[in-house]
Amino acid sequence: MAIQFTGMDGGKVDLPPEAVQAFRAAFSGTLLASGDEGYEDTRRIWNGMIDRRPGLIARCTGTADVAQAVRFARRHGLLLSVRGGGHNIAGLSVCEGGLMIDLSPLRGVWVDPEARVARAQAGCTLGDLDRETQAHGLATVLGFVSATGIAGLTVGGGFGYLTRRYGWTCDNVVSMEVVTASAEILQVSAEAHADLFWALRGGGGNFGIVTSFAYRLFPVGPEILGGALAWRGEDAREALEAYRAFSATAPRELTCVAALRVAPPAPWLPKEQHGRLVALMFICYTGRIEEGEALLAPLRRVGNPIADTVTRRPYTQMQSLLDATQPKGRRYYWKSHYLSGISPELIDLAVDHAGRLVSPHSAFFLFHLEGALNELPAGHSPAGNRDAAYVLNIASAWERPEDDAANIQWARDCFEAARGCSTGGAYVNFLTEEEGADRIEAAYGRSTLDQLAAIKRAYDPDDLFRHTKRISG
């Protein structure tokens, strides 16, 4: 009896069982179909709003498996998706009825402390890479939640506590191994297949499957000065005003993230404040600890802080400080803007919309980016947006499907209210499922988008890698 899949064009493809059996015989990893042990856990990703069922999941043990899976999908015209960490807000890693290529078993990391380079396989999380590089007192630019996959983060740009010092994550990639749509395995860098190397540093997963990355490393830690400061919701405006002034003059070794949200039942927050609005600042200082303490002294005197956990701590601990706010399976919907600065209007709307939060898990975040990324030319990588100083992330999160409409509307209302404060750019990794061509153009700009489209035509003319924030050739 034929096995039915979803095709590249969205139609149905009936495959004889022997075609799948031949694939299974040539594949070294594990193939999972509905009903197999591990299928449900693998298809369920971080965002609980995404509920798709692939026709088959190919759990890869190495690059040869990835190439074999690409050949199978191409030969039979199957819809294909690629899972790294499964942490993308739009759920791009899982397709309905097609073939999911699962890279999550590929978790190797090799560090060369002399050359200050780390090579990491594409199934690694941020925590995997940080753990190995920090054994040598080194780090690269990664994100804020340790369970995030490095692959999606990097090909979409990537930013974190080290961005002010060293730029986007993708700015610090020195080479990649890539499986193309024709199942060719390429080593790409500024010297080899430079066009593809350029496209994959921020252009998303439209051009091939990256199976490993080599990152430039920098001396960081192992101990840094980091943690959180908190104020009552009534003091949110004063706290944000202080954040605006403080971040505008902070040295690049210091990154500060501001947030407005309902206080969770965390032991470091006063019990009487649990369930009430708070203003938070997450601090990471990667210079000399003593200098960081002096820099933070004025911020600690702002108003009446209700909690202060900023202390000497391992960098790896700082990198996982926000993990508890992002559990797998919760329902997530995000909107975002790049900002050139923090205006009084932005502070007003932040306080206003935070006062109308629908869910206790939602938050209004401001990430400070200004520094190294602004010094590179606009065309250095597709990640672009070299005029950005901050990212505003309107992060709606809740538990029950019946609350979808109210929580999505809160995020959309806040996004629209903040539109006038935006640079007009967009961070592609924060684009949600329904955001299409207009937001993709906002992320890249017309000129860059045209360049990406030409590279797409060269490496994937049949649009095999279409289950992405899509750039069509």
Protein backbone atom coordinates (compact mmCIF):
# COMPACT_ATOMS: atom_id res chain seq x y z
CA MET A 1 0.00 0.00 0.00
CA ALA A 2 1.35 3.43 -0.96
CA ILE A 3 2.57 5.81 1.75
CA GLN A 4 1.24 9.35 1.39
CA PHE A 5 3.39 12.46 1.85
CA THR A 6 2.94 16.17 1.24
CA GLY A 7 4.74 17.32 -1.89
CA MET A 8 6.79 20.47 -2.44
CA ASP A 9 3.77 22.14 -4.07
CA GLY A 10 1.44 21.24 -1.20
CA GLY A 11 -0.22 18.40 -3.09
CA LYS A 12 -0.13 14.72 -2.18
CA VAL A 13 2.65 12.32 -3.17
CA ASP A 14 2.06 8.57 -2.94
CA LEU A 15 5.25 6.56 -2.47
CA PRO A 16 5.45 2.79 -2.74
CA PRO A 17 6.69 1.15 0.49
CA GLU A 18 9.83 -0.07 -1.29
CA ALA A 19 10.91 3.56 -1.89
CA VAL A 20 10.86 4.23 1.85
CA GLN A 21 12.52 0.85 2.50
CA ALA A 22 15.35 1.76 0.11
CA PHE A 23 15.82 5.07 1.92
CA ARG A 24 15.88 3.25 5.26
CA ALA A 25 18.53 0.85 3.99
CA ALA A 26 20.80 3.69 2.82
CA PHE A 27 20.30 5.82 5.95
CA SER A 28 22.51 5.33 9.01
CA GLY A 29 20.29 7.24 11.43
CA THR A 30 16.77 6.55 12.61
CA LEU A 31 13.62 7.03 10.54
CA LEU A 32 10.49 7.77 12.56
CA ALA A 33 6.92 7.56 11.32
CA SER A 34 3.73 8.32 13.24
CA GLY A 35 3.34 5.75 15.99
CA ASP A 36 7.07 5.06 16.34
CA GLU A 37 8.74 5.66 19.70
CA GLY A 38 10.29 9.11 19.69
CA TYR A 39 8.13 10.49 16.87
CA GLU A 40 5.86 12.60 19.08
CA ASP A 41 8.69 14.06 21.15
CA THR A 42 10.72 14.95 18.05
CA ARG A 43 7.88 16.61 16.15
CA ARG A 44 6.81 18.67 19.18
CA ILE A 45 8.96 21.77 19.29
CA TRP A 46 9.43 24.65 21.70
CA ASN A 47 6.41 26.71 20.57
CA GLY A 48 3.30 24.78 21.61
CA MET A 49 1.22 26.67 19.04
CA ILE A 50 2.93 24.66 16.28
CA ASP A 51 1.26 21.26 15.89
CA ARG A 52 2.35 19.68 12.61
CA ARG A 53 2.90 16.01 11.79
CA PRO A 54 5.67 15.16 9.32
CA GLY A 55 5.16 12.10 7.14
CA LEU A 56 8.63 10.92 8.14
CA ILE A 57 11.39 12.18 10.45
CA ALA A 58 15.01 11.45 9.49
CA ARG A 59 17.20 11.65 12.60
CA CYS A 60 20.70 12.10 11.21
CA THR A 61 23.96 10.73 12.62
CA GLY A 62 26.21 12.75 10.31
CA THR A 63 26.50 14.80 7.16
CA ALA A 64 26.18 11.75 4.90
CA ASP A 65 22.74 11.11 6.39
CA VAL A 66 21.72 14.70 5.67
CA ALA A 67 22.80 14.35 2.04
CA GLN A 68 20.92 11.03 1.76
CA ALA A 69 17.75 12.63 3.15
CA VAL A 70 18.03 15.55 0.71
CA ARG A 71 18.36 13.10 -2.21
CA PHE A 72 15.24 11.25 -1.06
CA ALA A 73 13.18 14.43 -0.71
CA ARG A 74 14.38 15.78 -4.06
CA ARG A 75 13.88 12.53 -5.96
CA HIS A 76 10.28 12.22 -4.83
CA GLY A 77 9.35 15.92 -4.73
CA LEU A 78 8.62 15.96 -0.99
CA LEU A 79 8.08 18.99 1.21
CA LEU A 80 11.15 19.24 3.43
CA SER A 81 11.92 20.97 6.72
CA VAL A 82 15.07 21.04 8.84
CA ARG A 83 15.21 20.85 12.62
CA GLY A 84 18.20 22.05 14.59
CA GLY A 85 17.18 23.11 18.10
CA GLY A 86 13.45 23.41 17.27
CA HIS A 87 13.30 26.81 18.98
CA ASN A 88 12.11 29.02 16.11
CA ILE A 89 9.01 31.08 16.95
CA ALA A 90 7.41 30.33 13.54
CA GLY A 91 7.98 26.57 13.85
CA LEU A 92 9.91 26.37 10.58
CA SER A 93 11.61 23.13 11.63
CA VAL A 94 8.50 20.96 11.34
CA CYS A 95 6.42 20.51 8.18
CA GLU A 96 2.98 18.97 7.73
CA GLY A 97 3.12 15.61 5.95
CA GLY A 98 6.61 16.03 4.47
CA LEU A 99 10.12 14.96 5.47
CA MET A 100 11.68 16.51 8.57
CA ILE A 101 15.48 16.29 8.57
CA ASP A 102 16.40 16.25 12.25
CA LEU A 103 19.91 17.47 13.05
CA SER A 104 19.44 17.43 16.84
CA PRO A 105 21.56 14.26 17.35
CA LEU A 106 24.57 16.14 15.88
CA ARG A 107 26.00 17.72 19.05
CA GLY A 108 29.79 17.60 18.66
CA VAL A 109 31.97 20.63 19.53
CA TRP A 110 35.71 20.92 18.88
CA VAL A 111 37.65 23.88 20.31
CA ASP A 112 41.05 25.08 19.10
CA PRO A 113 42.11 27.45 21.89
CA GLU A 114 45.30 28.46 20.06
CA ALA A 115 43.47 29.58 16.93
CA ARG A 116 40.47 30.74 19.01
CA VAL A 117 38.03 28.86 16.79
CA ALA A 118 35.30 26.38 17.68
CA ARG A 119 33.61 24.01 15.23
CA ALA A 120 30.16 22.91 16.28
CA GLN A 121 27.68 20.57 14.64
CA ALA A 122 24.31 21.99 13.72
CA GLY A 123 22.31 20.11 16.35
CA CYS A 124 24.13 21.89 19.18
CA THR A 125 22.33 24.21 21.54
CA LEU A 126 23.86 27.41 22.85
CA GLY A 127 24.52 25.59 26.11
CA ASP A 128 26.51 22.87 24.33
CA LEU A 129 28.79 25.39 22.64
CA ASP A 130 29.19 27.64 25.69
CA ARG A 131 30.10 24.70 27.92
CA GLU A 132 32.95 23.58 25.66
CA THR A 133 34.35 27.04 24.85
CA GLN A 134 34.20 28.18 28.47
CA ALA A 135 36.46 25.28 29.44
CA HIS A 136 39.13 27.42 27.74
CA GLY A 137 37.87 30.82 28.96
CA LEU A 138 36.52 31.59 25.48
CA ALA A 139 33.10 32.36 23.96
CA THR A 140 31.41 33.50 20.79
CA VAL A 141 28.30 35.64 20.31
CA LEU A 142 25.22 33.54 21.08
CA GLY A 143 21.68 34.20 22.31
CA PHE A 144 19.98 34.42 25.71
CA VAL A 145 18.34 30.99 26.22
CA SER A 146 20.69 28.02 26.45
CA ALA A 147 18.23 25.55 24.85
CA THR A 148 18.17 27.55 21.59
CA GLY A 149 19.81 25.81 18.62
CA ILE A 150 22.94 27.41 17.19
CA ALA A 151 21.93 26.72 13.58
CA GLY A 152 18.72 28.71 13.33
CA LEU A 153 20.16 31.46 15.51
CA THR A 154 23.21 31.86 13.27
CA VAL A 155 21.69 31.66 9.79
CA GLY A 156 19.08 34.22 10.92
CA GLY A 157 21.65 36.66 12.33
CA GLY A 158 21.82 36.09 16.08
CA PHE A 159 22.48 38.44 18.99
CA GLY A 160 23.25 38.15 22.68
CA TYR A 161 25.18 39.57 25.63
CA LEU A 162 28.38 39.79 23.52
CA THR A 163 26.83 41.55 20.51
CA ARG A 164 27.85 45.03 21.65
CA ARG A 165 31.48 43.89 21.65
CA TYR A 166 31.59 41.58 18.64
CA GLY A 167 28.51 42.05 16.41
CA TRP A 168 25.88 39.62 15.17
CA THR A 169 26.47 35.91 15.73
CA CYS A 170 26.78 35.45 11.95
CA ASP A 171 29.51 38.13 11.83
CA ASN A 172 31.70 35.71 13.76
CA VAL A 173 31.33 32.63 11.56
CA VAL A 174 34.55 31.78 9.70
CA SER A 175 33.36 28.74 7.74
CA MET A 176 30.49 26.28 7.37
CA GLU A 177 29.84 22.81 6.01
CA VAL A 178 26.72 22.87 3.82
CA VAL A 179 24.59 20.25 2.07
CA THR A 180 23.07 21.84 -1.02
CA ALA A 181 19.77 21.08 -2.75
CA SER A 182 21.65 18.75 -5.11
CA ALA A 183 23.02 16.87 -2.05
CA GLU A 184 26.54 18.15 -2.69
CA ILE A 185 28.63 18.68 0.45
CA LEU A 186 30.48 22.01 0.37
CA GLN A 187 32.98 23.70 2.67
CA VAL A 188 32.11 27.39 2.42
CA SER A 189 33.99 30.46 3.64
CA ALA A 190 35.09 33.88 2.44
CA GLU A 191 37.56 32.04 0.16
CA ALA A 192 35.34 29.19 -1.09
CA HIS A 193 31.78 29.60 -2.40
CA ALA A 194 31.87 33.13 -1.00
CA ASP A 195 28.41 33.95 -2.35
CA LEU A 196 26.82 31.07 -0.43
CA PHE A 197 28.85 31.93 2.67
CA TRP A 198 27.57 35.50 2.50
CA ALA A 199 23.94 34.40 2.04
CA LEU A 200 23.96 31.99 4.98
CA ARG A 201 25.19 34.68 7.40
CA GLY A 202 21.72 36.04 8.11
CA GLY A 203 19.77 35.01 5.00
CA GLY A 204 18.10 32.09 6.75
CA GLY A 205 17.81 28.46 5.71
CA ASN A 206 16.84 29.17 2.12
CA PHE A 207 20.09 28.08 0.44
CA GLY A 208 21.20 24.78 1.96
CA ILE A 209 21.48 22.80 5.18
CA VAL A 210 24.41 23.87 7.34
CA THR A 211 25.72 20.79 9.14
CA SER A 212 28.51 22.52 11.07
CA PHE A 213 29.78 26.02 11.85
CA ALA A 214 33.23 27.31 12.72
CA TYR A 215 33.05 30.35 15.03
CA ARG A 216 35.62 32.95 16.01
CA LEU A 217 36.15 32.95 19.80
CA PHE A 218 37.02 35.71 22.27
CA PRO A 219 38.37 35.75 25.84
CA VAL A 220 35.28 35.86 28.10
CA GLY A 221 34.88 34.71 31.69
CA PRO A 222 34.85 32.06 32.96
CA GLU A 223 33.45 34.47 35.57
CA ILE A 224 31.61 37.67 34.73
CA LEU A 225 29.55 40.22 36.66
CA GLY A 226 25.92 39.45 36.01
CA GLY A 227 22.40 38.98 37.29
CA ALA A 228 19.20 40.97 37.63
CA LEU A 229 17.86 44.11 39.27
CA ALA A 230 14.14 44.54 39.95
CA TRP A 231 11.74 47.38 40.77
CA ARG A 232 8.01 47.48 41.54
CA GLY A 233 5.67 48.14 38.64
CA GLU A 234 4.85 51.57 40.06
CA ASP A 235 8.50 52.48 39.43
CA ALA A 236 8.60 51.10 35.86
CA ARG A 237 8.77 54.50 34.21
CA GLU A 238 11.64 55.64 36.41
CA ALA A 239 13.45 52.36 35.78
CA LEU A 240 13.08 52.64 31.99
CA GLU A 241 14.24 56.25 32.05
CA ALA A 242 17.30 55.11 33.98
CA TYR A 243 17.82 52.26 31.49
CA ARG A 244 17.70 54.71 28.58
CA ALA A 245 20.32 56.98 30.13
CA PHE A 246 22.50 54.19 31.50
CA SER A 247 22.62 52.11 28.31
CA ALA A 248 23.35 55.14 26.15
CA THR A 249 26.72 55.66 27.84
CA ALA A 250 27.61 52.09 28.88
CA PRO A 251 30.90 50.64 27.58
CA ARG A 252 30.63 47.70 25.20
CA GLU A 253 31.66 45.22 27.88
CA LEU A 254 28.30 45.93 29.52
CA THR A 255 25.00 44.72 28.06
CA CYS A 256 21.74 45.46 29.81
CA VAL A 257 18.35 43.98 28.92
CA ALA A 258 15.22 45.67 30.28
CA ALA A 259 11.91 43.87 30.77
CA LEU A 260 8.42 44.61 32.06
CA ARG A 261 6.39 41.60 33.15
CA VAL A 262 4.39 40.10 35.99
CA ALA A 263 6.70 38.81 38.72
CA PRO A 264 6.94 35.02 38.68
CA PRO A 265 7.11 33.08 41.97
CA ALA A 266 10.91 33.21 41.88
CA PRO A 267 12.71 32.99 45.25
CA TRP A 268 14.91 36.01 44.44
CA LEU A 269 11.84 38.29 44.19
CA PRO A 270 9.91 39.36 47.32
CA LYS A 271 6.95 37.05 47.90
CA GLU A 272 4.54 39.98 48.25
CA GLN A 273 5.49 41.08 44.72
CA HIS A 274 4.67 37.73 43.07
CA GLY A 275 1.86 38.11 40.52
CA ARG A 276 2.35 41.88 40.28
CA LEU A 277 4.04 43.98 37.59
CA VAL A 278 7.80 44.45 37.91
CA ALA A 279 10.52 46.20 35.94
CA LEU A 280 13.64 44.10 35.48
CA MET A 281 17.15 44.65 34.17
CA PHE A 282 19.42 41.75 33.28
CA ILE A 283 23.06 42.80 33.48
CA CYS A 284 26.10 41.15 31.91
CA TYR A 285 29.52 42.79 32.29
CA THR A 286 32.42 40.92 30.68
CA GLY A 287 35.25 43.30 31.59
CA ARG A 288 37.12 43.48 34.91
CA ILE A 289 34.70 42.70 37.75
CA GLU A 290 35.82 45.66 39.87
CA GLU A 291 35.23 48.09 37.01
CA GLY A 292 31.78 46.62 36.46
CA GLU A 293 30.84 47.11 40.10
CA ALA A 294 31.75 50.80 39.85
CA LEU A 295 29.77 51.22 36.63
CA LEU A 296 26.65 49.64 38.14
CA ALA A 297 26.68 51.68 41.36
CA PRO A 298 24.50 54.54 39.95
CA LEU A 299 21.96 52.09 38.54
CA ARG A 300 21.62 50.38 41.90
CA ARG A 301 20.70 53.76 43.43
CA VAL A 302 17.76 54.35 41.06
CA GLY A 303 14.50 54.46 43.05
CA ASN A 304 14.01 51.57 45.46
CA PRO A 305 15.10 48.26 43.91
CA ILE A 306 13.29 45.26 45.41
CA ALA A 307 15.90 42.69 44.31
CA ASP A 308 19.54 42.65 43.27
CA THR A 309 21.18 39.39 42.17
CA VAL A 310 24.04 41.00 40.23
CA THR A 311 27.19 39.27 41.39
CA ARG A 312 30.29 37.45 40.21
CA ARG A 313 29.05 34.28 38.48
CA PRO A 314 30.05 31.83 35.72
CA TYR A 315 29.33 33.10 32.22
CA THR A 316 27.54 29.82 31.47
CA GLN A 317 25.16 30.56 34.34
CA MET A 318 24.44 34.01 32.92
CA GLN A 319 23.69 32.41 29.56
CA SER A 320 20.95 30.27 31.12
CA LEU A 321 19.46 32.92 33.44
CA LEU A 322 16.36 33.37 31.25
CA ASP A 323 15.80 29.66 30.53
CA ALA A 324 12.98 29.26 33.05
CA THR A 325 10.95 31.95 31.26
CA GLN A 326 10.91 29.94 27.99
CA PRO A 327 9.78 26.35 28.73
CA LYS A 328 9.11 23.98 25.85
CA GLY A 329 5.42 23.50 25.04
CA ARG A 330 4.10 26.87 26.19
CA ARG A 331 2.26 28.89 23.52
CA TYR A 332 4.33 31.77 22.13
CA TYR A 333 3.64 34.69 19.80
CA TRP A 334 6.19 37.45 19.26
CA LYS A 335 6.37 40.80 17.50
CA SER A 336 9.48 42.95 17.25
CA HIS A 337 11.02 46.19 16.05
CA TYR A 338 14.57 47.44 15.68
CA LEU A 339 15.07 50.80 17.39
CA SER A 340 17.67 53.52 16.85
CA GLY A 341 17.14 54.71 20.42
CA ILE A 342 14.68 54.81 23.31
CA SER A 343 12.28 57.74 23.07
CA PRO A 344 9.89 59.11 25.71
CA GLU A 345 7.05 57.84 23.49
CA LEU A 346 8.41 54.31 23.65
CA ILE A 347 8.65 54.43 27.43
CA ASP A 348 5.06 55.70 27.65
CA LEU A 349 3.67 52.90 25.49
CA ALA A 350 5.78 50.27 27.26
CA VAL A 351 4.32 51.22 30.63
CA ASP A 352 0.82 51.47 29.16
CA HIS A 353 0.85 48.07 27.43
CA ALA A 354 2.63 46.32 30.30
CA GLY A 355 -0.26 47.48 32.48
CA ARG A 356 -2.62 45.57 30.15
CA LEU A 357 -0.78 42.24 30.04
CA VAL A 358 -3.15 39.34 29.39
CA SER A 359 -0.85 36.56 30.58
CA PRO A 360 1.54 36.43 33.55
CA HIS A 361 4.12 34.81 31.24
CA SER A 362 4.25 37.63 28.67
CA ALA A 363 6.89 40.36 28.66
CA PHE A 364 8.06 43.54 27.01
CA PHE A 365 11.83 43.29 26.34
CA LEU A 366 14.44 45.83 25.27
CA PHE A 367 17.79 44.35 24.18
CA HIS A 368 20.75 46.71 23.83
CA LEU A 369 22.79 46.03 20.65
CA GLU A 370 24.68 49.23 19.88
CA GLY A 371 28.40 48.83 19.25
CA ALA A 372 30.41 46.56 16.98
CA LEU A 373 27.59 45.71 14.57
CA ASN A 374 27.14 49.40 13.68
CA GLU A 375 30.74 49.67 12.47
CA LEU A 376 30.45 47.15 9.63
CA PRO A 377 29.06 48.18 6.22
CA ALA A 378 25.39 47.49 5.54
CA GLY A 379 26.21 44.80 2.98
CA HIS A 380 28.68 42.88 5.14
CA SER A 381 26.05 40.18 5.67
CA PRO A 382 22.33 39.83 4.94
CA ALA A 383 21.65 40.27 8.68
CA GLY A 384 22.23 43.97 7.97
CA ASN A 385 20.25 46.42 10.09
CA ARG A 386 23.50 48.15 10.97
CA ASP A 387 21.54 51.20 12.13
CA ALA A 388 19.97 49.30 15.04
CA ALA A 389 20.79 50.22 18.64
CA TYR A 390 18.10 48.13 20.39
CA VAL A 391 15.61 45.36 19.69
CA LEU A 392 12.11 45.62 21.08
CA ASN A 393 10.68 42.12 21.58
CA ILE A 394 6.99 41.94 22.44
CA ALA A 395 6.92 38.39 23.79
CA SER A 396 3.46 37.02 24.42
CA ALA A 397 3.34 33.61 26.14
CA TRP A 398 0.45 31.64 27.66
CA GLU A 399 -0.76 28.11 28.40
CA ARG A 400 -4.24 27.42 26.95
CA PRO A 401 -5.42 27.39 23.30
CA GLU A 402 -8.62 29.16 24.30
CA ASP A 403 -6.50 32.19 25.28
CA ASP A 404 -4.83 32.49 21.87
CA ALA A 405 -6.88 35.37 20.51
CA ALA A 406 -6.49 37.69 23.51
CA ASN A 407 -2.75 37.15 23.84
CA ILE A 408 -2.04 37.53 20.13
CA GLN A 409 -4.09 40.73 20.06
CA TRP A 410 -2.14 42.19 22.99
CA ALA A 411 1.13 41.64 21.10
CA ARG A 412 -0.24 43.06 17.85
CA ASP A 413 -1.63 46.14 19.57
CA CYS A 414 1.69 46.82 21.26
CA PHE A 415 3.56 46.27 17.98
CA GLU A 416 1.36 48.75 16.12
CA ALA A 417 1.67 51.32 18.88
CA ALA A 418 5.49 51.08 18.68
CA ARG A 419 5.71 51.22 14.87
CA GLY A 420 6.57 54.93 14.89
CA CYS A 421 9.62 54.23 17.07
CA SER A 422 11.03 51.57 14.72
CA THR A 423 13.92 51.88 12.26
CA GLY A 424 11.64 50.01 9.83
CA GLY A 425 13.85 46.92 10.00
CA ALA A 426 12.91 43.46 11.25
CA TYR A 427 14.80 40.58 12.87
CA VAL A 428 14.02 37.50 10.77
CA ASN A 429 14.40 35.07 13.71
CA PHE A 430 11.56 36.85 15.54
CA LEU A 431 9.08 36.73 12.63
CA THR A 432 5.99 34.69 13.43
CA GLU A 433 4.25 32.11 11.25
CA GLU A 434 1.89 34.49 9.43
CA GLU A 435 4.43 37.24 8.69
CA GLY A 436 5.27 37.15 4.99
CA ALA A 437 6.89 39.03 2.12
CA ASP A 438 6.53 42.56 3.50
CA ARG A 439 8.26 41.69 6.77
CA ILE A 440 10.95 39.68 4.98
CA GLU A 441 11.68 42.76 2.88
CA ALA A 442 11.77 44.82 6.09
CA ALA A 443 14.33 42.39 7.48
CA TYR A 444 16.67 42.63 4.49
CA GLY A 445 15.85 45.61 2.31
CA ARG A 446 15.19 45.38 -1.42
CA SER A 447 18.81 45.41 -2.60
CA THR A 448 19.92 42.62 -0.26
CA LEU A 449 16.78 40.64 -1.05
CA ASP A 450 17.60 40.81 -4.77
CA GLN A 451 21.13 39.54 -4.08
CA LEU A 452 19.76 36.69 -1.98
CA ALA A 453 17.27 35.77 -4.69
CA ALA A 454 20.09 35.45 -7.24
CA ILE A 455 22.05 33.16 -4.91
CA LYS A 456 18.88 31.15 -4.29
CA ARG A 457 18.51 30.60 -8.04
CA ALA A 458 22.10 29.41 -8.25
CA TYR A 459 22.03 26.91 -5.37
CA ASP A 460 18.35 25.92 -5.06
CA PRO A 461 16.61 26.67 -8.37
CA ASP A 462 13.72 24.29 -7.61
CA ASP A 463 13.11 25.83 -4.17
CA LEU A 464 13.60 22.59 -2.23
CA PHE A 465 14.36 24.63 0.89
CA ARG A 466 11.05 26.48 0.89
CA HIS A 467 9.90 25.71 4.46
CA THR A 468 11.66 28.86 5.69
CA LYS A 469 11.06 32.57 5.86
CA ARG A 470 11.08 32.23 2.14
CA ILE A 471 13.31 34.00 -0.36
CA SER A 472 12.25 32.96 -3.84
CA GLY A 473 14.65 32.99 -6.75
